[in-house]
Amino acid sequence: MAICGGLAALYLFFALVGTVDLARAAAASIVSLALASVWLAGVLIRVRSGATRVQRQDRERRGF
């Protein structure tokens, strides 16, 4: 999920800087929108379920 958001943010950054022409790179723009929507769907699912952070119960188990 984080990779989808990172790639969409990277594409948005290059579009804002001006190195990517959105009209000429229509396929990349569509893929970037799809990645952003996957990331946003994942965020909404985690917010609705109340799992804002992933924490494992056995994280500090030592000495086994």
PDB file of N, CA and C in Angstrom:
ATOM      1  N   MET A   1       0.809  -1.180   0.000  1.00  0.00           N
ATOM      2  CA  MET A   1       0.000   0.000   0.000  1.00  0.00           C
ATOM      3  C   MET A   1       0.861   1.255   0.000  1.00  0.00           C
ATOM      4  N   ALA A   2       1.890   1.255   0.809  1.00  0.00           N
ATOM      5  CA  ALA A   2       2.724   2.452   0.891  1.00  0.00           C
ATOM      6  C   ALA A   2       3.466   2.707  -0.413  1.00  0.00           C
ATOM      7  N   ILE A   3       3.788   1.652  -1.117  1.00  0.00           N
ATOM      8  CA  ILE A   3       4.484   1.818  -2.396  1.00  0.00           C
ATOM      9  C   ILE A   3       3.568   2.518  -3.399  1.00  0.00           C
ATOM     10  N   CYS A   4       2.284   2.173  -3.402  1.00  0.00           N
ATOM     11  CA  CYS A   4       1.330   2.821  -4.309  1.00  0.00           C
ATOM     12  C   CYS A   4       1.256   4.317  -4.026  1.00  0.00           C
ATOM     13  N   GLY A   5       1.156   4.677  -2.766  1.00  0.00           N
ATOM     14  CA  GLY A   5       1.099   6.092  -2.405  1.00  0.00           C
ATOM     15  C   GLY A   5       2.387   6.815  -2.727  1.00  0.00           C
ATOM     16  N   GLY A   6       3.517   6.154  -2.506  1.00  0.00           N
ATOM     17  CA  GLY A   6       4.803   6.768  -2.802  1.00  0.00           C
ATOM     18  C   GLY A   6       5.013   7.006  -4.286  1.00  0.00           C
ATOM     19  N   LEU A   7       4.629   6.040  -5.099  1.00  0.00           N
ATOM     20  CA  LEU A   7       4.771   6.215  -6.546  1.00  0.00           C
ATOM     21  C   LEU A   7       3.838   7.292  -7.083  1.00  0.00           C
ATOM     22  N   ALA A   8       2.632   7.349  -6.549  1.00  0.00           N
ATOM     23  CA  ALA A   8       1.701   8.398  -6.978  1.00  0.00           C
ATOM     24  C   ALA A   8       2.205   9.772  -6.559  1.00  0.00           C
ATOM     25  N   ALA A   9       2.756   9.881  -5.357  1.00  0.00           N
ATOM     26  CA  ALA A   9       3.314  11.161  -4.900  1.00  0.00           C
ATOM     27  C   ALA A   9       4.534  11.559  -5.723  1.00  0.00           C
ATOM     28  N   LEU A  10       5.352  10.591  -6.095  1.00  0.00           N
ATOM     29  CA  LEU A  10       6.521  10.883  -6.923  1.00  0.00           C
ATOM     30  C   LEU A  10       6.103  11.397  -8.297  1.00  0.00           C
ATOM     31  N   TYR A  11       5.095  10.778  -8.888  1.00  0.00           N
ATOM     32  CA  TYR A  11       4.594  11.237 -10.187  1.00  0.00           C
ATOM     33  C   TYR A  11       4.005  12.639 -10.067  1.00  0.00           C
ATOM     34  N   LEU A  12       3.256  12.888  -8.984  1.00  0.00           N
ATOM     35  CA  LEU A  12       2.688  14.211  -8.771  1.00  0.00           C
ATOM     36  C   LEU A  12       3.786  15.259  -8.602  1.00  0.00           C
ATOM     37  N   PHE A  13       4.856  14.894  -7.910  1.00  0.00           N
ATOM     38  CA  PHE A  13       5.976  15.820  -7.741  1.00  0.00           C
ATOM     39  C   PHE A  13       6.582  16.182  -9.094  1.00  0.00           C
ATOM     40  N   PHE A  14       6.849  15.185  -9.934  1.00  0.00           N
ATOM     41  CA  PHE A  14       7.433  15.471 -11.241  1.00  0.00           C
ATOM     42  C   PHE A  14       6.464  16.246 -12.134  1.00  0.00           C
ATOM     43  N   ALA A  15       5.173  16.013 -11.970  1.00  0.00           N
ATOM     44  CA  ALA A  15       4.194  16.778 -12.740  1.00  0.00           C
ATOM     45  C   ALA A  15       4.174  18.237 -12.287  1.00  0.00           C
ATOM     46  N   LEU A  16       4.295  18.469 -10.987  1.00  0.00           N
ATOM     47  CA  LEU A  16       4.311  19.837 -10.481  1.00  0.00           C
ATOM     48  C   LEU A  16       5.585  20.576 -10.860  1.00  0.00           C
ATOM     49  N   VAL A  17       6.706  19.869 -10.890  1.00  0.00           N
ATOM     50  CA  VAL A  17       7.970  20.488 -11.273  1.00  0.00           C
ATOM     51  C   VAL A  17       7.958  20.847 -12.754  1.00  0.00           C
ATOM     52  N   GLY A  18       7.252  20.062 -13.532  1.00  0.00           N
ATOM     53  CA  GLY A  18       7.125  20.358 -14.950  1.00  0.00           C
ATOM     54  C   GLY A  18       7.895  19.422 -15.855  1.00  0.00           C
ATOM     55  N   THR A  19       8.470  18.369 -15.310  1.00  0.00           N
ATOM     56  CA  THR A  19       9.204  17.425 -16.148  1.00  0.00           C
ATOM     57  C   THR A  19       8.291  16.428 -16.852  1.00  0.00           C
ATOM     58  N   VAL A  20       7.047  16.303 -16.379  1.00  0.00           N
ATOM     59  CA  VAL A  20       6.092  15.383 -16.987  1.00  0.00           C
ATOM     60  C   VAL A  20       4.937  16.197 -17.558  1.00  0.00           C
ATOM     61  N   ASP A  21       4.681  16.053 -18.822  1.00  0.00           N
ATOM     62  CA  ASP A  21       3.533  16.686 -19.451  1.00  0.00           C
ATOM     63  C   ASP A  21       2.343  15.729 -19.327  1.00  0.00           C
ATOM     64  N   LEU A  22       1.315  16.162 -18.617  1.00  0.00           N
ATOM     65  CA  LEU A  22       0.191  15.274 -18.317  1.00  0.00           C
ATOM     66  C   LEU A  22      -0.571  14.857 -19.567  1.00  0.00           C
ATOM     67  N   ALA A  23      -0.631  15.712 -20.557  1.00  0.00           N
ATOM     68  CA  ALA A  23      -1.352  15.370 -21.786  1.00  0.00           C
ATOM     69  C   ALA A  23      -0.595  14.354 -22.623  1.00  0.00           C
ATOM     70  N   ARG A  24       0.726  14.499 -22.681  1.00  0.00           N
ATOM     71  CA  ARG A  24       1.520  13.567 -23.497  1.00  0.00           C
ATOM     72  C   ARG A  24       1.719  12.230 -22.799  1.00  0.00           C
ATOM     73  N   ALA A  25       1.671  12.223 -21.498  1.00  0.00           N
ATOM     74  CA  ALA A  25       1.862  10.988 -20.742  1.00  0.00           C
ATOM     75  C   ALA A  25       0.525  10.544 -20.150  1.00  0.00           C
ATOM     76  N   ALA A  26      -0.453  10.344 -21.007  1.00  0.00           N
ATOM     77  CA  ALA A  26      -1.799  10.001 -20.545  1.00  0.00           C
ATOM     78  C   ALA A  26      -1.829   8.644 -19.850  1.00  0.00           C
ATOM     79  N   ALA A  27      -1.112   7.681 -20.374  1.00  0.00           N
ATOM     80  CA  ALA A  27      -1.110   6.345 -19.759  1.00  0.00           C
ATOM     81  C   ALA A  27      -0.479   6.389 -18.368  1.00  0.00           C
ATOM     82  N   ALA A  28       0.608   7.124 -18.244  1.00  0.00           N
ATOM     83  CA  ALA A  28       1.255   7.249 -16.927  1.00  0.00           C
ATOM     84  C   ALA A  28       0.354   8.004 -15.957  1.00  0.00           C
ATOM     85  N   SER A  29      -0.388   8.975 -16.458  1.00  0.00           N
ATOM     86  CA  SER A  29      -1.316   9.715 -15.601  1.00  0.00           C
ATOM     87  C   SER A  29      -2.432   8.807 -15.100  1.00  0.00           C
ATOM     88  N   ILE A  30      -2.934   7.944 -15.962  1.00  0.00           N
ATOM     89  CA  ILE A  30      -3.994   7.011 -15.565  1.00  0.00           C
ATOM     90  C   ILE A  30      -3.468   6.005 -14.543  1.00  0.00           C
ATOM     91  N   VAL A  31      -2.265   5.502 -14.773  1.00  0.00           N
ATOM     92  CA  VAL A  31      -1.667   4.561 -13.824  1.00  0.00           C
ATOM     93  C   VAL A  31      -1.428   5.238 -12.481  1.00  0.00           C
ATOM     94  N   SER A  32      -0.983   6.482 -12.515  1.00  0.00           N
ATOM     95  CA  SER A  32      -0.762   7.215 -11.270  1.00  0.00           C
ATOM     96  C   SER A  32      -2.060   7.437 -10.513  1.00  0.00           C
ATOM     97  N   LEU A  33      -3.126   7.744 -11.215  1.00  0.00           N
ATOM     98  CA  LEU A  33      -4.431   7.891 -10.568  1.00  0.00           C
ATOM     99  C   LEU A  33      -4.916   6.566  -9.984  1.00  0.00           C
ATOM    100  N   ALA A  34      -4.652   5.476 -10.683  1.00  0.00           N
ATOM    101  CA  ALA A  34      -5.043   4.156 -10.171  1.00  0.00           C
ATOM    102  C   ALA A  34      -4.254   3.815  -8.900  1.00  0.00           C
ATOM    103  N   LEU A  35      -2.961   4.105  -8.895  1.00  0.00           N
ATOM    104  CA  LEU A  35      -2.153   3.846  -7.703  1.00  0.00           C
ATOM    105  C   LEU A  35      -2.605   4.711  -6.530  1.00  0.00           C
ATOM    106  N   ALA A  36      -2.931   5.962  -6.811  1.00  0.00           N
ATOM    107  CA  ALA A  36      -3.411   6.845  -5.750  1.00  0.00           C
ATOM    108  C   ALA A  36      -4.750   6.365  -5.201  1.00  0.00           C
ATOM    109  N   SER A  37      -5.610   5.845  -6.059  1.00  0.00           N
ATOM    110  CA  SER A  37      -6.902   5.355  -5.580  1.00  0.00           C
ATOM    111  C   SER A  37      -6.743   4.077  -4.763  1.00  0.00           C
ATOM    112  N   VAL A  38      -5.809   3.207  -5.132  1.00  0.00           N
ATOM    113  CA  VAL A  38      -5.540   2.011  -4.324  1.00  0.00           C
ATOM    114  C   VAL A  38      -5.027   2.416  -2.946  1.00  0.00           C
ATOM    115  N   TRP A  39      -4.128   3.389  -2.916  1.00  0.00           N
ATOM    116  CA  TRP A  39      -3.593   3.860  -1.641  1.00  0.00           C
ATOM    117  C   TRP A  39      -4.688   4.491  -0.786  1.00  0.00           C
ATOM    118  N   LEU A  40      -5.533   5.322  -1.406  1.00  0.00           N
ATOM    119  CA  LEU A  40      -6.605   5.975  -0.667  1.00  0.00           C
ATOM    120  C   LEU A  40      -7.622   4.961  -0.149  1.00  0.00           C
ATOM    121  N   ALA A  41      -7.923   3.937  -0.929  1.00  0.00           N
ATOM    122  CA  ALA A  41      -8.841   2.887  -0.471  1.00  0.00           C
ATOM    123  C   ALA A  41      -8.255   2.158   0.738  1.00  0.00           C
ATOM    124  N   GLY A  42      -6.963   1.895   0.708  1.00  0.00           N
ATOM    125  CA  GLY A  42      -6.321   1.245   1.854  1.00  0.00           C
ATOM    126  C   GLY A  42      -6.360   2.106   3.102  1.00  0.00           C
ATOM    127  N   VAL A  43      -6.152   3.398   2.923  1.00  0.00           N
ATOM    128  CA  VAL A  43      -6.217   4.316   4.069  1.00  0.00           C
ATOM    129  C   VAL A  43      -7.627   4.348   4.648  1.00  0.00           C
ATOM    130  N   LEU A  44      -8.621   4.422   3.786  1.00  0.00           N
ATOM    131  CA  LEU A  44     -10.005   4.464   4.271  1.00  0.00           C
ATOM    132  C   LEU A  44     -10.400   3.179   4.987  1.00  0.00           C
ATOM    133  N   ILE A  45      -9.952   2.053   4.490  1.00  0.00           N
ATOM    134  CA  ILE A  45     -10.253   0.779   5.150  1.00  0.00           C
ATOM    135  C   ILE A  45      -9.620   0.725   6.536  1.00  0.00           C
ATOM    136  N   ARG A  46      -8.374   1.193   6.636  1.00  0.00           N
ATOM    137  CA  ARG A  46      -7.712   1.179   7.945  1.00  0.00           C
ATOM    138  C   ARG A  46      -8.346   2.162   8.908  1.00  0.00           C
ATOM    139  N   VAL A  47      -8.814   3.304   8.425  1.00  0.00           N
ATOM    140  CA  VAL A  47      -9.466   4.274   9.309  1.00  0.00           C
ATOM    141  C   VAL A  47     -10.794   3.734   9.802  1.00  0.00           C
ATOM    142  N   ARG A  48     -11.549   3.111   8.919  1.00  0.00           N
ATOM    143  CA  ARG A  48     -12.852   2.558   9.316  1.00  0.00           C
ATOM    144  C   ARG A  48     -12.719   1.413  10.308  1.00  0.00           C
ATOM    145  N   SER A  49     -11.665   0.623  10.187  1.00  0.00           N
ATOM    146  CA  SER A  49     -11.498  -0.507  11.094  1.00  0.00           C
ATOM    147  C   SER A  49     -10.851  -0.107  12.409  1.00  0.00           C
ATOM    148  N   GLY A  50     -10.349   1.110  12.500  1.00  0.00           N
ATOM    149  CA  GLY A  50      -9.728   1.574  13.730  1.00  0.00           C
ATOM    150  C   GLY A  50      -8.276   1.175  13.865  1.00  0.00           C
ATOM    151  N   ALA A  51      -7.697   0.587  12.852  1.00  0.00           N
ATOM    152  CA  ALA A  51      -6.300   0.146  12.888  1.00  0.00           C
ATOM    153  C   ALA A  51      -5.423   1.210  12.239  1.00  0.00           C
ATOM    154  N   THR A  52      -5.206   2.302  12.961  1.00  0.00           N
ATOM    155  CA  THR A  52      -4.406   3.372  12.379  1.00  0.00           C
ATOM    156  C   THR A  52      -2.935   3.001  12.322  1.00  0.00           C
ATOM    157  N   ARG A  53      -2.482   2.172  13.268  1.00  0.00           N
ATOM    158  CA  ARG A  53      -1.100   1.695  13.253  1.00  0.00           C
ATOM    159  C   ARG A  53      -1.087   0.189  13.419  1.00  0.00           C
ATOM    160  N   VAL A  54      -0.174  -0.459  12.761  1.00  0.00           N
ATOM    161  CA  VAL A  54      -0.040  -1.902  12.892  1.00  0.00           C
ATOM    162  C   VAL A  54       0.931  -2.177  14.018  1.00  0.00           C
ATOM    163  N   GLN A  55       0.437  -2.839  15.062  1.00  0.00           N
ATOM    164  CA  GLN A  55       1.291  -3.199  16.188  1.00  0.00           C
ATOM    165  C   GLN A  55       1.093  -4.666  16.493  1.00  0.00           C
ATOM    166  N   ARG A  56       2.174  -5.358  16.613  1.00  0.00           N
ATOM    167  CA  ARG A  56       2.113  -6.773  16.920  1.00  0.00           C
ATOM    168  C   ARG A  56       2.243  -6.976  18.426  1.00  0.00           C
ATOM    169  N   GLN A  57       1.477  -7.900  18.953  1.00  0.00           N
ATOM    170  CA  GLN A  57       1.474  -8.128  20.384  1.00  0.00           C
ATOM    171  C   GLN A  57       2.774  -8.752  20.883  1.00  0.00           C
ATOM    172  N   ASP A  58       3.418  -9.556  20.038  1.00  0.00           N
ATOM    173  CA  ASP A  58       4.623 -10.256  20.478  1.00  0.00           C
ATOM    174  C   ASP A  58       5.896  -9.519  20.042  1.00  0.00           C
ATOM    175  N   ARG A  59       5.845  -8.235  19.969  1.00  0.00           N
ATOM    176  CA  ARG A  59       6.984  -7.473  19.462  1.00  0.00           C
ATOM    177  C   ARG A  59       8.181  -7.526  20.399  1.00  0.00           C
ATOM    178  N   GLU A  60       7.954  -7.439  21.699  1.00  0.00           N
ATOM    179  CA  GLU A  60       9.048  -7.368  22.659  1.00  0.00           C
ATOM    180  C   GLU A  60       9.322  -8.705  23.355  1.00  0.00           C
ATOM    181  N   ARG A  61       8.974  -9.794  22.717  1.00  0.00           N
ATOM    182  CA  ARG A  61       9.233 -11.105  23.307  1.00  0.00           C
ATOM    183  C   ARG A  61      10.686 -11.471  23.092  1.00  0.00           C
ATOM    184  N   ARG A  62      11.385 -11.649  24.181  1.00  0.00           N
ATOM    185  CA  ARG A  62      12.803 -12.012  24.095  1.00  0.00           C
ATOM    186  C   ARG A  62      13.079 -13.177  25.037  1.00  0.00           C
ATOM    187  N   GLY A  63      14.147 -13.844  24.785  1.00  0.00           N
ATOM    188  CA  GLY A  63      14.595 -14.896  25.693  1.00  0.00           C
ATOM    189  C   GLY A  63      13.970 -16.255  25.443  1.00  0.00           C
ATOM    190  N   PHE A  64      13.445 -16.498  24.270  1.00  0.00           N
ATOM    191  CA  PHE A  64      12.858 -17.817  24.001  1.00  0.00           C
ATOM    192  C   PHE A  64      13.855 -18.743  23.408  1.00  0.00           C
TER     193      PHE A  64
END
